[in-house]
Amino acid sequence: MMILVTGGVRSGKSTHAEKLMADAQSVTYVASGPIPDGTDEEWSARIAAHQERRPVNWSTVESGDLASAVEGKQVVLIDDLGTWVTAMVDDMAGWKRPFERWRAEFDRRVAEAVTAVSATQTAVIVTNEVGMGVVPDHASGRLFRDLLGTVNQRFAVACDEVHLVVSGRVLKL
């Protein structure tokens, strides 16, 4: 069973995803974004709040290599695809290079991640919904929106269910 949980920032996505896994004996929580360096106190506080909510029987893997992080795991919660996309673009220096130069590598990593997650027994994947807002002013914002929108579609196709969370309310699509 694979479930994609999407919604806006602070909509309750992560809390909903964690509730979906509440009865699991063992969960591998994959923190898929950049590992904080401690210079951004607000970001570090957000991560600490997420860590404190996790049950003791959950293990955590912090990695921007999503495919490797879930390989061989049976039950995973991935939080979240937006930070994973950011980590990939950072890794490929994509914010400063034309997309055409690193698109094949990006597409390969996304395909590998979808395949790896599909091989798990149970996966809940958290992502941000980026298609409901205004067009970003900056090229980096438009690039991020376009990439995450595409990644969300690729994962959604592989999932059994997609849940949209709005203001803490869940709509199964």
N, C-alpha and C. Protein backbone atom coordinates (compact mmCIF):
# COMPACT_ATOMS: atom_id res chain seq x y z
N MET A 1 0.85 -1.18 0.00
CA MET A 1 0.00 0.00 0.00
C MET A 1 0.89 1.23 0.00
N MET A 2 0.65 2.12 -0.94
CA MET A 2 1.36 3.40 -1.02
C MET A 2 0.35 4.54 -1.00
N ILE A 3 0.61 5.51 -0.12
CA ILE A 3 -0.28 6.67 0.00
C ILE A 3 0.56 7.93 -0.13
N LEU A 4 0.16 8.82 -1.02
CA LEU A 4 0.78 10.13 -1.16
C LEU A 4 -0.10 11.11 -0.39
N VAL A 5 0.52 11.86 0.53
CA VAL A 5 -0.19 12.86 1.33
C VAL A 5 0.30 14.23 0.87
N THR A 6 -0.61 15.02 0.31
CA THR A 6 -0.24 16.32 -0.22
C THR A 6 -1.10 17.41 0.40
N GLY A 7 -0.64 18.63 0.30
CA GLY A 7 -1.37 19.77 0.82
C GLY A 7 -0.44 20.95 0.95
N GLY A 8 -0.97 22.04 1.42
CA GLY A 8 -0.18 23.25 1.58
C GLY A 8 0.70 23.20 2.82
N VAL A 9 1.53 24.21 2.96
CA VAL A 9 2.39 24.34 4.12
C VAL A 9 1.53 24.49 5.37
N ARG A 10 1.89 23.77 6.42
CA ARG A 10 1.20 23.80 7.71
C ARG A 10 -0.26 23.35 7.62
N SER A 11 -0.56 22.50 6.65
CA SER A 11 -1.93 22.01 6.49
C SER A 11 -2.23 20.81 7.39
N GLY A 12 -1.20 20.18 7.94
CA GLY A 12 -1.39 18.98 8.76
C GLY A 12 -0.97 17.71 8.05
N LYS A 13 -0.22 17.83 6.96
CA LYS A 13 0.19 16.67 6.17
C LYS A 13 1.01 15.68 7.00
N SER A 14 2.04 16.17 7.66
CA SER A 14 2.93 15.27 8.40
C SER A 14 2.19 14.59 9.54
N THR A 15 1.36 15.34 10.25
CA THR A 15 0.59 14.75 11.35
C THR A 15 -0.33 13.66 10.82
N HIS A 16 -0.98 13.92 9.69
CA HIS A 16 -1.85 12.90 9.09
C HIS A 16 -1.04 11.67 8.68
N ALA A 17 0.10 11.88 8.06
CA ALA A 17 0.94 10.75 7.64
C ALA A 17 1.37 9.93 8.84
N GLU A 18 1.75 10.59 9.91
CA GLU A 18 2.17 9.88 11.12
C GLU A 18 1.01 9.07 11.71
N LYS A 19 -0.21 9.61 11.67
CA LYS A 19 -1.38 8.88 12.17
C LYS A 19 -1.64 7.63 11.31
N LEU A 20 -1.40 7.74 10.01
CA LEU A 20 -1.60 6.57 9.15
C LEU A 20 -0.67 5.42 9.53
N MET A 21 0.48 5.75 10.11
CA MET A 21 1.48 4.74 10.49
C MET A 21 1.41 4.37 11.97
N ALA A 22 0.45 4.90 12.69
CA ALA A 22 0.40 4.74 14.15
C ALA A 22 0.39 3.28 14.61
N ASP A 23 -0.22 2.39 13.85
CA ASP A 23 -0.33 0.99 14.27
C ASP A 23 0.82 0.11 13.79
N ALA A 24 1.72 0.67 13.03
CA ALA A 24 2.84 -0.12 12.49
C ALA A 24 3.82 -0.45 13.62
N GLN A 25 4.31 -1.68 13.61
CA GLN A 25 5.27 -2.12 14.62
C GLN A 25 6.60 -1.39 14.49
N SER A 26 7.04 -1.24 13.27
CA SER A 26 8.33 -0.62 13.01
C SER A 26 8.22 0.21 11.74
N VAL A 27 8.69 1.44 11.80
CA VAL A 27 8.63 2.35 10.67
C VAL A 27 10.01 2.95 10.46
N THR A 28 10.42 3.00 9.20
CA THR A 28 11.62 3.76 8.86
C THR A 28 11.16 5.12 8.37
N TYR A 29 11.51 6.14 9.14
CA TYR A 29 11.15 7.52 8.81
C TYR A 29 12.31 8.08 7.99
N VAL A 30 12.02 8.46 6.76
CA VAL A 30 13.05 8.99 5.88
C VAL A 30 12.90 10.51 5.80
N ALA A 31 13.87 11.19 6.40
CA ALA A 31 13.95 12.65 6.30
C ALA A 31 14.80 12.91 5.06
N SER A 32 14.13 13.31 3.98
CA SER A 32 14.76 13.26 2.66
C SER A 32 15.36 14.57 2.19
N GLY A 33 15.39 15.56 3.04
CA GLY A 33 15.90 16.86 2.61
C GLY A 33 17.32 17.12 3.05
N PRO A 34 17.76 18.33 2.80
CA PRO A 34 19.11 18.70 3.24
C PRO A 34 19.23 18.58 4.75
N ILE A 35 20.36 18.09 5.22
CA ILE A 35 20.60 17.97 6.65
C ILE A 35 20.99 19.36 7.16
N PRO A 36 20.28 19.86 8.18
CA PRO A 36 20.55 21.22 8.64
C PRO A 36 21.95 21.35 9.23
N ASP A 37 22.53 22.52 9.02
CA ASP A 37 23.88 22.76 9.54
C ASP A 37 23.85 23.55 10.84
N GLY A 38 22.66 23.84 11.36
CA GLY A 38 22.53 24.54 12.63
C GLY A 38 22.53 26.05 12.52
N THR A 39 22.69 26.59 11.33
CA THR A 39 22.73 28.04 11.18
C THR A 39 21.34 28.66 11.08
N ASP A 40 20.33 27.87 10.73
CA ASP A 40 18.96 28.36 10.62
C ASP A 40 18.18 27.83 11.82
N GLU A 41 18.03 28.65 12.85
CA GLU A 41 17.40 28.22 14.09
C GLU A 41 15.94 27.82 13.89
N GLU A 42 15.22 28.56 13.06
CA GLU A 42 13.81 28.24 12.84
C GLU A 42 13.66 26.87 12.17
N TRP A 43 14.50 26.59 11.16
CA TRP A 43 14.45 25.30 10.47
C TRP A 43 14.83 24.17 11.43
N SER A 44 15.84 24.40 12.22
CA SER A 44 16.27 23.39 13.20
C SER A 44 15.16 23.11 14.21
N ALA A 45 14.42 24.14 14.61
CA ALA A 45 13.30 23.95 15.55
C ALA A 45 12.18 23.12 14.92
N ARG A 46 11.92 23.35 13.64
CA ARG A 46 10.90 22.55 12.95
C ARG A 46 11.29 21.07 12.92
N ILE A 47 12.55 20.83 12.61
CA ILE A 47 13.03 19.45 12.55
C ILE A 47 12.95 18.81 13.93
N ALA A 48 13.34 19.53 14.95
CA ALA A 48 13.29 19.00 16.32
C ALA A 48 11.85 18.64 16.70
N ALA A 49 10.88 19.47 16.32
CA ALA A 49 9.48 19.18 16.62
C ALA A 49 9.03 17.89 15.94
N HIS A 50 9.44 17.68 14.70
CA HIS A 50 9.11 16.44 13.99
C HIS A 50 9.75 15.24 14.69
N GLN A 51 11.00 15.39 15.10
CA GLN A 51 11.71 14.29 15.76
C GLN A 51 11.05 13.90 17.07
N GLU A 52 10.61 14.88 17.83
CA GLU A 52 9.99 14.62 19.12
C GLU A 52 8.67 13.87 19.01
N ARG A 53 7.96 14.04 17.88
CA ARG A 53 6.67 13.36 17.69
C ARG A 53 6.82 11.89 17.34
N ARG A 54 7.98 11.48 16.86
CA ARG A 54 8.14 10.11 16.38
C ARG A 54 8.18 9.11 17.53
N PRO A 55 7.46 8.00 17.38
CA PRO A 55 7.52 6.94 18.40
C PRO A 55 8.92 6.34 18.50
N VAL A 56 9.22 5.77 19.64
CA VAL A 56 10.56 5.22 19.89
C VAL A 56 10.85 4.01 19.01
N ASN A 57 9.83 3.32 18.53
CA ASN A 57 10.06 2.14 17.69
C ASN A 57 10.29 2.50 16.21
N TRP A 58 10.33 3.78 15.89
CA TRP A 58 10.64 4.22 14.54
C TRP A 58 12.14 4.50 14.43
N SER A 59 12.71 4.12 13.32
CA SER A 59 14.10 4.49 13.05
C SER A 59 14.09 5.62 12.03
N THR A 60 15.13 6.44 12.07
CA THR A 60 15.21 7.59 11.17
C THR A 60 16.42 7.46 10.26
N VAL A 61 16.20 7.74 8.99
CA VAL A 61 17.28 7.82 8.02
C VAL A 61 17.23 9.21 7.43
N GLU A 62 18.32 9.95 7.53
CA GLU A 62 18.42 11.28 6.93
C GLU A 62 19.28 11.15 5.69
N SER A 63 18.66 11.35 4.51
CA SER A 63 19.40 11.16 3.27
C SER A 63 18.70 11.85 2.12
N GLY A 64 19.50 12.44 1.26
CA GLY A 64 18.99 12.99 0.01
C GLY A 64 18.92 11.95 -1.09
N ASP A 65 19.44 10.74 -0.81
CA ASP A 65 19.38 9.63 -1.76
C ASP A 65 18.19 8.77 -1.38
N LEU A 66 17.03 9.15 -1.86
CA LEU A 66 15.78 8.51 -1.46
C LEU A 66 15.74 7.03 -1.84
N ALA A 67 16.19 6.69 -3.02
CA ALA A 67 16.16 5.29 -3.46
C ALA A 67 16.98 4.42 -2.51
N SER A 68 18.18 4.83 -2.17
CA SER A 68 19.02 4.05 -1.26
C SER A 68 18.44 4.02 0.15
N ALA A 69 17.84 5.11 0.57
CA ALA A 69 17.30 5.19 1.93
C ALA A 69 16.16 4.21 2.17
N VAL A 70 15.37 3.90 1.14
CA VAL A 70 14.24 2.99 1.32
C VAL A 70 14.54 1.57 0.87
N GLU A 71 15.66 1.37 0.21
CA GLU A 71 16.00 0.05 -0.31
C GLU A 71 16.03 -1.00 0.81
N GLY A 72 15.28 -2.06 0.62
CA GLY A 72 15.24 -3.15 1.58
C GLY A 72 14.34 -2.91 2.78
N LYS A 73 13.72 -1.74 2.85
CA LYS A 73 12.82 -1.42 3.97
C LYS A 73 11.42 -1.91 3.63
N GLN A 74 10.66 -2.25 4.65
CA GLN A 74 9.30 -2.74 4.44
C GLN A 74 8.24 -1.67 4.66
N VAL A 75 8.41 -0.86 5.72
CA VAL A 75 7.42 0.15 6.07
C VAL A 75 8.14 1.49 6.20
N VAL A 76 7.78 2.45 5.35
CA VAL A 76 8.49 3.73 5.34
C VAL A 76 7.51 4.90 5.35
N LEU A 77 7.95 5.96 6.00
CA LEU A 77 7.27 7.25 5.93
C LEU A 77 8.31 8.24 5.43
N ILE A 78 8.03 8.85 4.31
CA ILE A 78 8.96 9.80 3.69
C ILE A 78 8.42 11.20 3.88
N ASP A 79 9.22 12.06 4.47
CA ASP A 79 8.79 13.44 4.74
C ASP A 79 9.95 14.37 4.42
N ASP A 80 9.98 15.05 3.32
CA ASP A 80 8.96 15.09 2.29
C ASP A 80 9.60 15.25 0.93
N LEU A 81 8.81 15.14 -0.11
CA LEU A 81 9.34 15.22 -1.47
C LEU A 81 9.84 16.61 -1.83
N GLY A 82 9.27 17.65 -1.25
CA GLY A 82 9.72 19.00 -1.55
C GLY A 82 11.15 19.25 -1.10
N THR A 83 11.47 18.80 0.11
CA THR A 83 12.85 18.97 0.58
C THR A 83 13.79 18.05 -0.17
N TRP A 84 13.29 16.90 -0.62
CA TRP A 84 14.10 15.99 -1.43
C TRP A 84 14.45 16.63 -2.77
N VAL A 85 13.47 17.25 -3.41
CA VAL A 85 13.73 17.93 -4.68
C VAL A 85 14.76 19.04 -4.45
N THR A 86 14.61 19.81 -3.39
CA THR A 86 15.57 20.86 -3.08
C THR A 86 16.98 20.29 -2.92
N ALA A 87 17.09 19.19 -2.18
CA ALA A 87 18.40 18.56 -1.97
C ALA A 87 19.01 18.08 -3.29
N MET A 88 18.17 17.53 -4.16
CA MET A 88 18.69 17.07 -5.47
C MET A 88 19.18 18.23 -6.32
N VAL A 89 18.39 19.29 -6.37
CA VAL A 89 18.79 20.44 -7.18
C VAL A 89 20.07 21.05 -6.61
N ASP A 90 20.16 21.14 -5.29
CA ASP A 90 21.40 21.62 -4.66
C ASP A 90 22.57 20.74 -5.07
N ASP A 91 22.38 19.43 -4.98
CA ASP A 91 23.44 18.46 -5.28
C ASP A 91 23.93 18.57 -6.71
N MET A 92 23.03 18.89 -7.61
CA MET A 92 23.39 18.98 -9.03
C MET A 92 23.71 20.41 -9.46
N ALA A 93 23.83 21.34 -8.49
CA ALA A 93 24.07 22.75 -8.77
C ALA A 93 23.06 23.28 -9.79
N GLY A 94 21.84 22.79 -9.67
CA GLY A 94 20.81 23.09 -10.66
C GLY A 94 20.22 24.48 -10.59
N TRP A 95 20.40 25.17 -9.47
CA TRP A 95 19.84 26.51 -9.37
C TRP A 95 20.57 27.48 -10.29
N LYS A 96 21.80 27.13 -10.68
CA LYS A 96 22.62 28.05 -11.48
C LYS A 96 22.92 27.51 -12.88
N ARG A 97 22.44 26.31 -13.18
CA ARG A 97 22.72 25.72 -14.49
C ARG A 97 21.41 25.49 -15.23
N PRO A 98 21.43 25.54 -16.54
CA PRO A 98 20.21 25.25 -17.31
C PRO A 98 19.72 23.83 -17.03
N PHE A 99 18.42 23.70 -16.89
CA PHE A 99 17.80 22.41 -16.56
C PHE A 99 18.17 21.33 -17.57
N GLU A 100 18.30 21.69 -18.83
CA GLU A 100 18.62 20.71 -19.86
C GLU A 100 19.93 19.98 -19.56
N ARG A 101 20.84 20.62 -18.85
CA ARG A 101 22.14 20.02 -18.56
C ARG A 101 22.09 18.95 -17.47
N TRP A 102 21.06 18.98 -16.63
CA TRP A 102 20.98 17.99 -15.55
C TRP A 102 19.64 17.28 -15.49
N ARG A 103 18.83 17.51 -16.49
CA ARG A 103 17.50 16.90 -16.52
C ARG A 103 17.56 15.37 -16.52
N ALA A 104 18.43 14.79 -17.32
CA ALA A 104 18.50 13.32 -17.41
C ALA A 104 18.85 12.72 -16.04
N GLU A 105 19.78 13.33 -15.34
CA GLU A 105 20.15 12.85 -14.01
C GLU A 105 18.99 13.00 -13.03
N PHE A 106 18.30 14.12 -13.08
CA PHE A 106 17.13 14.35 -12.23
C PHE A 106 16.06 13.29 -12.50
N ASP A 107 15.73 13.09 -13.77
CA ASP A 107 14.71 12.10 -14.14
C ASP A 107 15.11 10.70 -13.71
N ARG A 108 16.41 10.36 -13.83
CA ARG A 108 16.89 9.05 -13.41
C ARG A 108 16.69 8.86 -11.90
N ARG A 109 17.05 9.87 -11.12
CA ARG A 109 16.90 9.77 -9.66
C ARG A 109 15.44 9.64 -9.25
N VAL A 110 14.57 10.37 -9.91
CA VAL A 110 13.14 10.28 -9.60
C VAL A 110 12.63 8.89 -9.94
N ALA A 111 12.98 8.37 -11.11
CA ALA A 111 12.53 7.03 -11.50
C ALA A 111 13.04 5.98 -10.53
N GLU A 112 14.30 6.08 -10.12
CA GLU A 112 14.86 5.12 -9.15
C GLU A 112 14.12 5.20 -7.82
N ALA A 113 13.79 6.41 -7.38
CA ALA A 113 13.09 6.57 -6.11
C ALA A 113 11.68 5.99 -6.18
N VAL A 114 10.97 6.25 -7.26
CA VAL A 114 9.61 5.70 -7.41
C VAL A 114 9.68 4.17 -7.40
N THR A 115 10.64 3.60 -8.11
CA THR A 115 10.78 2.15 -8.15
C THR A 115 11.10 1.60 -6.76
N ALA A 116 12.02 2.23 -6.05
CA ALA A 116 12.41 1.76 -4.72
C ALA A 116 11.26 1.85 -3.73
N VAL A 117 10.54 2.96 -3.75
CA VAL A 117 9.41 3.11 -2.84
C VAL A 117 8.31 2.11 -3.19
N SER A 118 8.11 1.86 -4.45
CA SER A 118 7.09 0.89 -4.89
C SER A 118 7.40 -0.52 -4.42
N ALA A 119 8.66 -0.81 -4.13
CA ALA A 119 9.06 -2.14 -3.68
C ALA A 119 8.84 -2.36 -2.19
N THR A 120 8.47 -1.30 -1.46
CA THR A 120 8.20 -1.46 -0.03
C THR A 120 6.84 -2.10 0.16
N GLN A 121 6.61 -2.60 1.36
CA GLN A 121 5.31 -3.18 1.69
C GLN A 121 4.28 -2.06 1.91
N THR A 122 4.70 -1.05 2.67
CA THR A 122 3.83 0.08 2.99
C THR A 122 4.66 1.36 2.92
N ALA A 123 4.14 2.36 2.25
CA ALA A 123 4.82 3.65 2.19
C ALA A 123 3.80 4.77 2.27
N VAL A 124 4.11 5.74 3.12
CA VAL A 124 3.35 6.98 3.17
C VAL A 124 4.34 8.08 2.82
N ILE A 125 4.01 8.86 1.81
CA ILE A 125 4.92 9.85 1.25
C ILE A 125 4.27 11.22 1.39
N VAL A 126 4.96 12.14 2.04
CA VAL A 126 4.45 13.49 2.25
C VAL A 126 5.05 14.42 1.19
N THR A 127 4.22 15.32 0.68
CA THR A 127 4.71 16.30 -0.28
C THR A 127 3.90 17.58 -0.17
N ASN A 128 4.43 18.64 -0.73
CA ASN A 128 3.70 19.91 -0.77
C ASN A 128 2.95 20.02 -2.09
N GLU A 129 1.75 20.55 -2.02
CA GLU A 129 0.98 20.82 -3.23
C GLU A 129 1.40 22.19 -3.74
N VAL A 130 1.97 22.22 -4.94
CA VAL A 130 2.51 23.46 -5.47
C VAL A 130 1.70 24.04 -6.62
N GLY A 131 0.65 23.37 -7.02
CA GLY A 131 -0.08 23.80 -8.20
C GLY A 131 -1.26 24.70 -7.95
N MET A 132 -1.42 25.19 -6.73
CA MET A 132 -2.62 25.98 -6.42
C MET A 132 -2.31 27.44 -6.12
N GLY A 133 -1.06 27.83 -6.28
CA GLY A 133 -0.67 29.20 -5.94
C GLY A 133 -0.37 30.04 -7.16
N VAL A 134 0.18 31.19 -6.89
CA VAL A 134 0.55 32.11 -7.95
C VAL A 134 1.84 31.63 -8.62
N VAL A 135 2.11 32.15 -9.79
CA VAL A 135 3.36 31.85 -10.48
C VAL A 135 4.47 32.61 -9.75
N PRO A 136 5.51 31.89 -9.26
CA PRO A 136 6.58 32.57 -8.52
C PRO A 136 7.28 33.64 -9.36
N ASP A 137 7.72 34.71 -8.69
CA ASP A 137 8.43 35.81 -9.35
C ASP A 137 9.80 35.40 -9.86
N HIS A 138 10.48 34.53 -9.13
CA HIS A 138 11.86 34.20 -9.44
C HIS A 138 11.98 32.88 -10.20
N ALA A 139 13.00 32.80 -11.03
CA ALA A 139 13.21 31.59 -11.82
C ALA A 139 13.39 30.36 -10.93
N SER A 140 14.08 30.51 -9.80
CA SER A 140 14.29 29.36 -8.91
C SER A 140 12.96 28.87 -8.34
N GLY A 141 12.06 29.78 -8.03
CA GLY A 141 10.75 29.39 -7.53
C GLY A 141 9.92 28.67 -8.58
N ARG A 142 9.99 29.16 -9.82
CA ARG A 142 9.25 28.49 -10.90
C ARG A 142 9.84 27.12 -11.17
N LEU A 143 11.18 27.02 -11.15
CA LEU A 143 11.83 25.73 -11.35
C LEU A 143 11.40 24.73 -10.28
N PHE A 144 11.45 25.16 -9.02
CA PHE A 144 11.04 24.28 -7.92
C PHE A 144 9.60 23.83 -8.09
N ARG A 145 8.70 24.77 -8.36
CA ARG A 145 7.29 24.43 -8.54
C ARG A 145 7.09 23.42 -9.65
N ASP A 146 7.76 23.65 -10.77
CA ASP A 146 7.61 22.75 -11.92
C ASP A 146 8.17 21.36 -11.61
N LEU A 147 9.35 21.32 -10.98
CA LEU A 147 9.96 20.02 -10.67
C LEU A 147 9.13 19.25 -9.66
N LEU A 148 8.72 19.91 -8.58
CA LEU A 148 7.95 19.21 -7.55
C LEU A 148 6.59 18.78 -8.10
N GLY A 149 5.98 19.61 -8.93
CA GLY A 149 4.71 19.22 -9.54
C GLY A 149 4.85 17.95 -10.36
N THR A 150 5.93 17.85 -11.11
CA THR A 150 6.20 16.65 -11.91
C THR A 150 6.49 15.45 -11.02
N VAL A 151 7.31 15.65 -9.99
CA VAL A 151 7.63 14.56 -9.05
C VAL A 151 6.35 14.07 -8.37
N ASN A 152 5.50 15.00 -7.94
CA ASN A 152 4.24 14.60 -7.31
C ASN A 152 3.39 13.74 -8.24
N GLN A 153 3.34 14.11 -9.51
CA GLN A 153 2.57 13.31 -10.47
C GLN A 153 3.14 11.90 -10.61
N ARG A 154 4.46 11.80 -10.67
CA ARG A 154 5.09 10.49 -10.85
C ARG A 154 4.83 9.59 -9.65
N PHE A 155 4.91 10.15 -8.45
CA PHE A 155 4.62 9.34 -7.27
C PHE A 155 3.14 9.01 -7.17
N ALA A 156 2.28 9.98 -7.49
CA ALA A 156 0.83 9.75 -7.39
C ALA A 156 0.38 8.61 -8.28
N VAL A 157 0.95 8.52 -9.47
CA VAL A 157 0.59 7.43 -10.39
C VAL A 157 0.93 6.07 -9.78
N ALA A 158 2.02 6.00 -9.02
CA ALA A 158 2.45 4.75 -8.42
C ALA A 158 1.70 4.42 -7.13
N CYS A 159 0.98 5.39 -6.57
CA CYS A 159 0.32 5.20 -5.28
C CYS A 159 -1.07 4.59 -5.41
N ASP A 160 -1.48 3.92 -4.35
CA ASP A 160 -2.83 3.37 -4.28
C ASP A 160 -3.84 4.44 -3.93
N GLU A 161 -3.39 5.41 -3.12
CA GLU A 161 -4.27 6.50 -2.69
C GLU A 161 -3.49 7.80 -2.67
N VAL A 162 -4.22 8.91 -2.85
CA VAL A 162 -3.67 10.24 -2.66
C VAL A 162 -4.61 10.96 -1.70
N HIS A 163 -4.03 11.53 -0.63
CA HIS A 163 -4.81 12.27 0.36
C HIS A 163 -4.43 13.74 0.27
N LEU A 164 -5.41 14.60 0.12
CA LEU A 164 -5.20 16.04 0.13
C LEU A 164 -5.59 16.55 1.51
N VAL A 165 -4.66 17.23 2.18
CA VAL A 165 -4.91 17.77 3.52
C VAL A 165 -5.03 19.29 3.42
N VAL A 166 -6.16 19.79 3.88
CA VAL A 166 -6.42 21.22 3.89
C VAL A 166 -6.91 21.59 5.29
N SER A 167 -6.19 22.47 5.96
CA SER A 167 -6.58 22.94 7.29
C SER A 167 -6.84 21.77 8.25
N GLY A 168 -6.02 20.76 8.15
CA GLY A 168 -6.15 19.60 9.03
C GLY A 168 -7.23 18.61 8.64
N ARG A 169 -7.94 18.89 7.57
CA ARG A 169 -8.99 17.99 7.09
C ARG A 169 -8.45 17.21 5.91
N VAL A 170 -8.86 15.94 5.81
CA VAL A 170 -8.32 15.05 4.78
C VAL A 170 -9.40 14.70 3.77
N LEU A 171 -9.02 14.85 2.51
CA LEU A 171 -9.88 14.45 1.40
C LEU A 171 -9.14 13.38 0.62
N LYS A 172 -9.71 12.18 0.52
CA LYS A 172 -9.11 11.13 -0.29
C LYS A 172 -9.50 11.37 -1.73
N LEU A 173 -8.49 11.49 -2.59
CA LEU A 173 -8.74 11.74 -4.00
C LEU A 173 -8.88 10.45 -4.77
